[in-house]
Amino acid sequence: MDIKAVVGRNVRRYREQKSISQEELAFDTDLHRTYVNGIERGVRNPTVLIVGKLAVVLGVEPRKLPELED
C-alpha cells in the first residue's frame, strides 16, 4: 500500500476519533484545509515536520501516522 494513503487513512481515523473537523485540524496545524484534505485522500505527501504537527494536534506519536493497521 502507498505510504501516502496509509498516512492519510490514519490522519482521518485519529481526527474522527477526536471529533474534530478538517478545518479545525488545519487551523491547529497552521495548514490549509485543502492540504489536510489532500493528505487524508492520499494525494499529498506531507513532510516529516507536517507529520509532527499533525501528530501533536491528534495526540499521537508521529510514528503512528505511517503505521499499517493490524
PDB file of N, CA and C in Angstrom:
ATOM      1  N   MET A   1       0.845  -1.184   0.000  1.00  0.00           N
ATOM      2  CA  MET A   1       0.000   0.000   0.000  1.00  0.00           C
ATOM      3  C   MET A   1       0.888   1.243   0.000  1.00  0.00           C
ATOM      4  N   ASP A   2       0.440   2.259  -0.688  1.00  0.00           N
ATOM      5  CA  ASP A   2       1.161   3.525  -0.798  1.00  0.00           C
ATOM      6  C   ASP A   2       1.232   4.217   0.565  1.00  0.00           C
ATOM      7  N   ILE A   3       2.412   4.683   0.929  1.00  0.00           N
ATOM      8  CA  ILE A   3       2.612   5.315   2.241  1.00  0.00           C
ATOM      9  C   ILE A   3       1.739   6.562   2.409  1.00  0.00           C
ATOM     10  N   LYS A   4       1.515   7.310   1.318  1.00  0.00           N
ATOM     11  CA  LYS A   4       0.655   8.494   1.411  1.00  0.00           C
ATOM     12  C   LYS A   4      -0.769   8.096   1.797  1.00  0.00           C
ATOM     13  N   ALA A   5      -1.234   6.991   1.248  1.00  0.00           N
ATOM     14  CA  ALA A   5      -2.582   6.510   1.571  1.00  0.00           C
ATOM     15  C   ALA A   5      -2.663   6.049   3.020  1.00  0.00           C
ATOM     16  N   VAL A   6      -1.614   5.403   3.506  1.00  0.00           N
ATOM     17  CA  VAL A   6      -1.580   4.937   4.897  1.00  0.00           C
ATOM     18  C   VAL A   6      -1.623   6.129   5.848  1.00  0.00           C
ATOM     19  N   VAL A   7      -0.775   7.121   5.591  1.00  0.00           N
ATOM     20  CA  VAL A   7      -0.759   8.320   6.437  1.00  0.00           C
ATOM     21  C   VAL A   7      -2.129   8.996   6.401  1.00  0.00           C
ATOM     22  N   GLY A   8      -2.681   9.140   5.216  1.00  0.00           N
ATOM     23  CA  GLY A   8      -3.986   9.785   5.082  1.00  0.00           C
ATOM     24  C   GLY A   8      -5.084   9.068   5.832  1.00  0.00           C
ATOM     25  N   ARG A   9      -5.111   7.757   5.711  1.00  0.00           N
ATOM     26  CA  ARG A   9      -6.127   6.963   6.409  1.00  0.00           C
ATOM     27  C   ARG A   9      -5.987   7.123   7.923  1.00  0.00           C
ATOM     28  N   ASN A  10      -4.748   7.115   8.401  1.00  0.00           N
ATOM     29  CA  ASN A  10      -4.525   7.249   9.844  1.00  0.00           C
ATOM     30  C   ASN A  10      -4.856   8.648  10.344  1.00  0.00           C
ATOM     31  N   VAL A  11      -4.503   9.674   9.579  1.00  0.00           N
ATOM     32  CA  VAL A  11      -4.853  11.047   9.973  1.00  0.00           C
ATOM     33  C   VAL A  11      -6.368  11.164  10.102  1.00  0.00           C
ATOM     34  N   ARG A  12      -7.086  10.662   9.118  1.00  0.00           N
ATOM     35  CA  ARG A  12      -8.555  10.738   9.161  1.00  0.00           C
ATOM     36  C   ARG A  12      -9.102   9.971  10.366  1.00  0.00           C
ATOM     37  N   ARG A  13      -8.586   8.776  10.597  1.00  0.00           N
ATOM     38  CA  ARG A  13      -9.074   7.952  11.706  1.00  0.00           C
ATOM     39  C   ARG A  13      -8.858   8.654  13.045  1.00  0.00           C
ATOM     40  N   TYR A  14      -7.644   9.174  13.280  1.00  0.00           N
ATOM     41  CA  TYR A  14      -7.363   9.855  14.545  1.00  0.00           C
ATOM     42  C   TYR A  14      -8.151  11.158  14.659  1.00  0.00           C
ATOM     43  N   ARG A  15      -8.328  11.860  13.547  1.00  0.00           N
ATOM     44  CA  ARG A  15      -9.104  13.106  13.573  1.00  0.00           C
ATOM     45  C   ARG A  15     -10.556  12.812  13.943  1.00  0.00           C
ATOM     46  N   GLU A  16     -11.119  11.786  13.343  1.00  0.00           N
ATOM     47  CA  GLU A  16     -12.509  11.437  13.643  1.00  0.00           C
ATOM     48  C   GLU A  16     -12.665  10.935  15.076  1.00  0.00           C
ATOM     49  N   GLN A  17     -11.658  10.234  15.593  1.00  0.00           N
ATOM     50  CA  GLN A  17     -11.709   9.790  16.991  1.00  0.00           C
ATOM     51  C   GLN A  17     -11.745  10.976  17.950  1.00  0.00           C
ATOM     52  N   LYS A  18     -11.083  12.071  17.570  1.00  0.00           N
ATOM     53  CA  LYS A  18     -11.085  13.280  18.405  1.00  0.00           C
ATOM     54  C   LYS A  18     -12.288  14.174  18.116  1.00  0.00           C
ATOM     55  N   SER A  19     -13.096  13.776  17.142  1.00  0.00           N
ATOM     56  CA  SER A  19     -14.293  14.537  16.745  1.00  0.00           C
ATOM     57  C   SER A  19     -13.962  15.972  16.370  1.00  0.00           C
ATOM     58  N   ILE A  20     -12.916  16.137  15.551  1.00  0.00           N
ATOM     59  CA  ILE A  20     -12.597  17.474  15.050  1.00  0.00           C
ATOM     60  C   ILE A  20     -12.709  17.474  13.526  1.00  0.00           C
ATOM     61  N   SER A  21     -13.036  18.621  12.987  1.00  0.00           N
ATOM     62  CA  SER A  21     -13.189  18.755  11.540  1.00  0.00           C
ATOM     63  C   SER A  21     -11.830  18.950  10.873  1.00  0.00           C
ATOM     64  N   GLN A  22     -11.822  18.795   9.554  1.00  0.00           N
ATOM     65  CA  GLN A  22     -10.601  19.083   8.798  1.00  0.00           C
ATOM     66  C   GLN A  22     -10.206  20.540   8.989  1.00  0.00           C
ATOM     67  N   GLU A  23     -11.190  21.407   9.052  1.00  0.00           N
ATOM     68  CA  GLU A  23     -10.915  22.831   9.229  1.00  0.00           C
ATOM     69  C   GLU A  23     -10.238  23.105  10.574  1.00  0.00           C
ATOM     70  N   GLU A  24     -10.712  22.468  11.634  1.00  0.00           N
ATOM     71  CA  GLU A  24     -10.092  22.637  12.951  1.00  0.00           C
ATOM     72  C   GLU A  24      -8.667  22.090  12.958  1.00  0.00           C
ATOM     73  N   LEU A  25      -8.476  20.920  12.345  1.00  0.00           N
ATOM     74  CA  LEU A  25      -7.142  20.334  12.273  1.00  0.00           C
ATOM     75  C   LEU A  25      -6.212  21.246  11.483  1.00  0.00           C
ATOM     76  N   ALA A  26      -6.706  21.777  10.385  1.00  0.00           N
ATOM     77  CA  ALA A  26      -5.902  22.684   9.566  1.00  0.00           C
ATOM     78  C   ALA A  26      -5.514  23.930  10.360  1.00  0.00           C
ATOM     79  N   PHE A  27      -6.466  24.514  11.064  1.00  0.00           N
ATOM     80  CA  PHE A  27      -6.191  25.715  11.852  1.00  0.00           C
ATOM     81  C   PHE A  27      -5.140  25.435  12.922  1.00  0.00           C
ATOM     82  N   ASP A  28      -5.312  24.333  13.639  1.00  0.00           N
ATOM     83  CA  ASP A  28      -4.408  23.998  14.744  1.00  0.00           C
ATOM     84  C   ASP A  28      -2.999  23.626  14.282  1.00  0.00           C
ATOM     85  N   THR A  29      -2.860  23.205  13.027  1.00  0.00           N
ATOM     86  CA  THR A  29      -1.542  22.832  12.489  1.00  0.00           C
ATOM     87  C   THR A  29      -0.976  23.904  11.568  1.00  0.00           C
ATOM     88  N   ASP A  30      -1.713  25.003  11.409  1.00  0.00           N
ATOM     89  CA  ASP A  30      -1.297  26.099  10.530  1.00  0.00           C
ATOM     90  C   ASP A  30      -1.145  25.627   9.084  1.00  0.00           C
ATOM     91  N   LEU A  31      -2.079  24.776   8.658  1.00  0.00           N
ATOM     92  CA  LEU A  31      -2.121  24.294   7.280  1.00  0.00           C
ATOM     93  C   LEU A  31      -3.441  24.735   6.662  1.00  0.00           C
ATOM     94  N   HIS A  32      -3.534  24.675   5.348  1.00  0.00           N
ATOM     95  CA  HIS A  32      -4.784  24.993   4.668  1.00  0.00           C
ATOM     96  C   HIS A  32      -5.683  23.759   4.700  1.00  0.00           C
ATOM     97  N   ARG A  33      -6.985  23.980   4.799  1.00  0.00           N
ATOM     98  CA  ARG A  33      -7.922  22.858   4.859  1.00  0.00           C
ATOM     99  C   ARG A  33      -7.812  21.951   3.638  1.00  0.00           C
ATOM    100  N   THR A  34      -7.587  22.524   2.472  1.00  0.00           N
ATOM    101  CA  THR A  34      -7.476  21.693   1.271  1.00  0.00           C
ATOM    102  C   THR A  34      -6.218  20.827   1.300  1.00  0.00           C
ATOM    103  N   TYR A  35      -5.177  21.303   1.981  1.00  0.00           N
ATOM    104  CA  TYR A  35      -3.960  20.498   2.125  1.00  0.00           C
ATOM    105  C   TYR A  35      -4.237  19.307   3.044  1.00  0.00           C
ATOM    106  N   VAL A  36      -4.941  19.550   4.151  1.00  0.00           N
ATOM    107  CA  VAL A  36      -5.315  18.462   5.062  1.00  0.00           C
ATOM    108  C   VAL A  36      -6.193  17.456   4.315  1.00  0.00           C
ATOM    109  N   ASN A  37      -7.127  17.951   3.525  1.00  0.00           N
ATOM    110  CA  ASN A  37      -7.982  17.077   2.732  1.00  0.00           C
ATOM    111  C   ASN A  37      -7.143  16.229   1.774  1.00  0.00           C
ATOM    112  N   GLY A  38      -6.146  16.836   1.144  1.00  0.00           N
ATOM    113  CA  GLY A  38      -5.265  16.101   0.237  1.00  0.00           C
ATOM    114  C   GLY A  38      -4.458  15.026   0.949  1.00  0.00           C
ATOM    115  N   ILE A  39      -4.030  15.326   2.167  1.00  0.00           N
ATOM    116  CA  ILE A  39      -3.313  14.320   2.964  1.00  0.00           C
ATOM    117  C   ILE A  39      -4.244  13.143   3.238  1.00  0.00           C
ATOM    118  N   GLU A  40      -5.450  13.440   3.685  1.00  0.00           N
ATOM    119  CA  GLU A  40      -6.394  12.375   4.024  1.00  0.00           C
ATOM    120  C   GLU A  40      -6.783  11.541   2.807  1.00  0.00           C
ATOM    121  N   ARG A  41      -6.813  12.138   1.633  1.00  0.00           N
ATOM    122  CA  ARG A  41      -7.135  11.398   0.408  1.00  0.00           C
ATOM    123  C   ARG A  41      -5.929  10.658  -0.159  1.00  0.00           C
ATOM    124  N   GLY A  42      -4.747  10.895   0.408  1.00  0.00           N
ATOM    125  CA  GLY A  42      -3.550  10.199  -0.051  1.00  0.00           C
ATOM    126  C   GLY A  42      -2.919  10.782  -1.294  1.00  0.00           C
ATOM    127  N   VAL A  43      -3.258  12.032  -1.616  1.00  0.00           N
ATOM    128  CA  VAL A  43      -2.671  12.664  -2.802  1.00  0.00           C
ATOM    129  C   VAL A  43      -1.555  13.645  -2.449  1.00  0.00           C
ATOM    130  N   ARG A  44      -1.485  14.035  -1.197  1.00  0.00           N
ATOM    131  CA  ARG A  44      -0.403  14.912  -0.727  1.00  0.00           C
ATOM    132  C   ARG A  44       0.620  14.089   0.032  1.00  0.00           C
ATOM    133  N   ASN A  45       1.872  14.487  -0.086  1.00  0.00           N
ATOM    134  CA  ASN A  45       2.963  13.793   0.586  1.00  0.00           C
ATOM    135  C   ASN A  45       3.512  14.718   1.670  1.00  0.00           C
ATOM    136  N   PRO A  46       2.996  14.607   2.907  1.00  0.00           N
ATOM    137  CA  PRO A  46       3.420  15.536   3.959  1.00  0.00           C
ATOM    138  C   PRO A  46       4.871  15.313   4.369  1.00  0.00           C
ATOM    139  N   THR A  47       5.537  16.401   4.694  1.00  0.00           N
ATOM    140  CA  THR A  47       6.920  16.316   5.165  1.00  0.00           C
ATOM    141  C   THR A  47       6.941  15.774   6.592  1.00  0.00           C
ATOM    142  N   VAL A  48       8.126  15.450   7.058  1.00  0.00           N
ATOM    143  CA  VAL A  48       8.292  14.979   8.434  1.00  0.00           C
ATOM    144  C   VAL A  48       7.815  16.050   9.412  1.00  0.00           C
ATOM    145  N   LEU A  49       8.081  17.310   9.121  1.00  0.00           N
ATOM    146  CA  LEU A  49       7.642  18.396  10.007  1.00  0.00           C
ATOM    147  C   LEU A  49       6.120  18.466  10.091  1.00  0.00           C
ATOM    148  N   ILE A  50       5.454  18.292   8.960  1.00  0.00           N
ATOM    149  CA  ILE A  50       3.992  18.331   8.953  1.00  0.00           C
ATOM    150  C   ILE A  50       3.422  17.116   9.675  1.00  0.00           C
ATOM    151  N   VAL A  51       4.020  15.954   9.478  1.00  0.00           N
ATOM    152  CA  VAL A  51       3.581  14.760  10.207  1.00  0.00           C
ATOM    153  C   VAL A  51       3.707  15.010  11.711  1.00  0.00           C
ATOM    154  N   GLY A  52       4.779  15.665  12.117  1.00  0.00           N
ATOM    155  CA  GLY A  52       4.965  16.002  13.525  1.00  0.00           C
ATOM    156  C   GLY A  52       3.882  16.929  14.041  1.00  0.00           C
ATOM    157  N   LYS A  53       3.546  17.965  13.275  1.00  0.00           N
ATOM    158  CA  LYS A  53       2.482  18.896  13.673  1.00  0.00           C
ATOM    159  C   LYS A  53       1.143  18.172  13.802  1.00  0.00           C
ATOM    160  N   LEU A  54       0.844  17.340  12.805  1.00  0.00           N
ATOM    161  CA  LEU A  54      -0.412  16.595  12.829  1.00  0.00           C
ATOM    162  C   LEU A  54      -0.483  15.686  14.055  1.00  0.00           C
ATOM    163  N   ALA A  55       0.612  15.009  14.339  1.00  0.00           N
ATOM    164  CA  ALA A  55       0.653  14.083  15.471  1.00  0.00           C
ATOM    165  C   ALA A  55       0.407  14.804  16.793  1.00  0.00           C
ATOM    166  N   VAL A  56       1.009  15.977  16.955  1.00  0.00           N
ATOM    167  CA  VAL A  56       0.820  16.743  18.194  1.00  0.00           C
ATOM    168  C   VAL A  56      -0.655  17.084  18.381  1.00  0.00           C
ATOM    169  N   VAL A  57      -1.277  17.614  17.349  1.00  0.00           N
ATOM    170  CA  VAL A  57      -2.679  18.020  17.453  1.00  0.00           C
ATOM    171  C   VAL A  57      -3.590  16.801  17.633  1.00  0.00           C
ATOM    172  N   LEU A  58      -3.250  15.696  16.977  1.00  0.00           N
ATOM    173  CA  LEU A  58      -4.076  14.492  17.074  1.00  0.00           C
ATOM    174  C   LEU A  58      -3.812  13.698  18.355  1.00  0.00           C
ATOM    175  N   GLY A  59      -2.752  14.070  19.079  1.00  0.00           N
ATOM    176  CA  GLY A  59      -2.451  13.413  20.345  1.00  0.00           C
ATOM    177  C   GLY A  59      -1.868  12.022  20.204  1.00  0.00           C
ATOM    178  N   VAL A  60      -1.109  11.808  19.124  1.00  0.00           N
ATOM    179  CA  VAL A  60      -0.457  10.511  18.909  1.00  0.00           C
ATOM    180  C   VAL A  60       1.027  10.732  18.648  1.00  0.00           C
ATOM    181  N   GLU A  61       1.795   9.670  18.742  1.00  0.00           N
ATOM    182  CA  GLU A  61       3.211   9.762  18.403  1.00  0.00           C
ATOM    183  C   GLU A  61       3.343   9.819  16.882  1.00  0.00           C
ATOM    184  N   PRO A  62       4.285  10.606  16.366  1.00  0.00           N
ATOM    185  CA  PRO A  62       4.441  10.718  14.911  1.00  0.00           C
ATOM    186  C   PRO A  62       4.610   9.371  14.210  1.00  0.00           C
ATOM    187  N   ARG A  63       5.231   8.413  14.861  1.00  0.00           N
ATOM    188  CA  ARG A  63       5.457   7.105  14.233  1.00  0.00           C
ATOM    189  C   ARG A  63       4.163   6.341  13.983  1.00  0.00           C
ATOM    190  N   LYS A  64       3.064   6.750  14.633  1.00  0.00           N
ATOM    191  CA  LYS A  64       1.785   6.071  14.446  1.00  0.00           C
ATOM    192  C   LYS A  64       1.134   6.422  13.105  1.00  0.00           C
ATOM    193  N   LEU A  65       1.442   7.586  12.553  1.00  0.00           N
ATOM    194  CA  LEU A  65       0.761   8.009  11.330  1.00  0.00           C
ATOM    195  C   LEU A  65       1.128   7.180  10.099  1.00  0.00           C
ATOM    196  N   PRO A  66       2.400   6.795   9.908  1.00  0.00           N
ATOM    197  CA  PRO A  66       2.693   5.951   8.739  1.00  0.00           C
ATOM    198  C   PRO A  66       2.567   4.447   9.006  1.00  0.00           C
ATOM    199  N   GLU A  67       1.990   4.060  10.147  1.00  0.00           N
ATOM    200  CA  GLU A  67       1.882   2.655  10.539  1.00  0.00           C
ATOM    201  C   GLU A  67       0.679   1.982   9.892  1.00  0.00           C
ATOM    202  N   LEU A  68       0.898   0.785   9.346  1.00  0.00           N
ATOM    203  CA  LEU A  68      -0.215  -0.005   8.827  1.00  0.00           C
ATOM    204  C   LEU A  68      -1.033  -0.540   9.990  1.00  0.00           C
ATOM    205  N   GLU A  69      -2.355  -0.596   9.808  1.00  0.00           N
ATOM    206  CA  GLU A  69      -3.227  -1.152  10.843  1.00  0.00           C
ATOM    207  C   GLU A  69      -3.045  -2.654  10.899  1.00  0.00           C
ATOM    208  N   ASP A  70      -3.291  -3.220  12.071  1.00  0.00           N
ATOM    209  CA  ASP A  70      -3.220  -4.680  12.223  1.00  0.00           C
ATOM    210  C   ASP A  70      -4.440  -5.341  11.650  1.00  0.00           C
TER     211      ASP A  70
END
